[in-house]
Every structure is written in structure tokens, then in C-alpha cells.
Amino acid sequence: MSDRTLVVLATLDTKGKEAEYLRQQLQRLGDRALVVDVGVVGEPGAGADITREEVAEAGGQPLA
């Protein structure tokens, strides 16, 4: 297992399946994938390590 963590920024409301596939492939190669959801429209199509709500809060704004 690698010590690398790769960040995957994705709009999980429209690209959830693709982000999950990328996470699985990176893990298969021995890296850790940290998925950050930057979507704001629909419901997430995959799980995120850092949610859209957390991203908005870190930016000083509510998601709404």
C-alpha cells in the first residue's frame, strides 16, 4: 500500500458513479482516494469523505 492520498473532487450529484469507479481503481493500485463532493444540485450518487455541506461550511456559507 502506498502512502499517497489522492484527492478526487467531483460533483457527486452528476458524476457519483464515475467518482466511485475512480476511487476503486486508485485503491486497487494501492493509493488512498479522498472523495470531496462539490456538487450543489441533486442528491449525491456516491459516498463522500468530505460532504458538500462540509465544503460549504468551510467556505463560510450554508449549502442552501
Foldseek 3Di string as FASTA:
>chain_A
DDPAEAEAEDQQQPCVVVVVVVQVVCVVVPYHYAYEHCHQDDDGPHDHNHYNQNVQVVVVHGSD
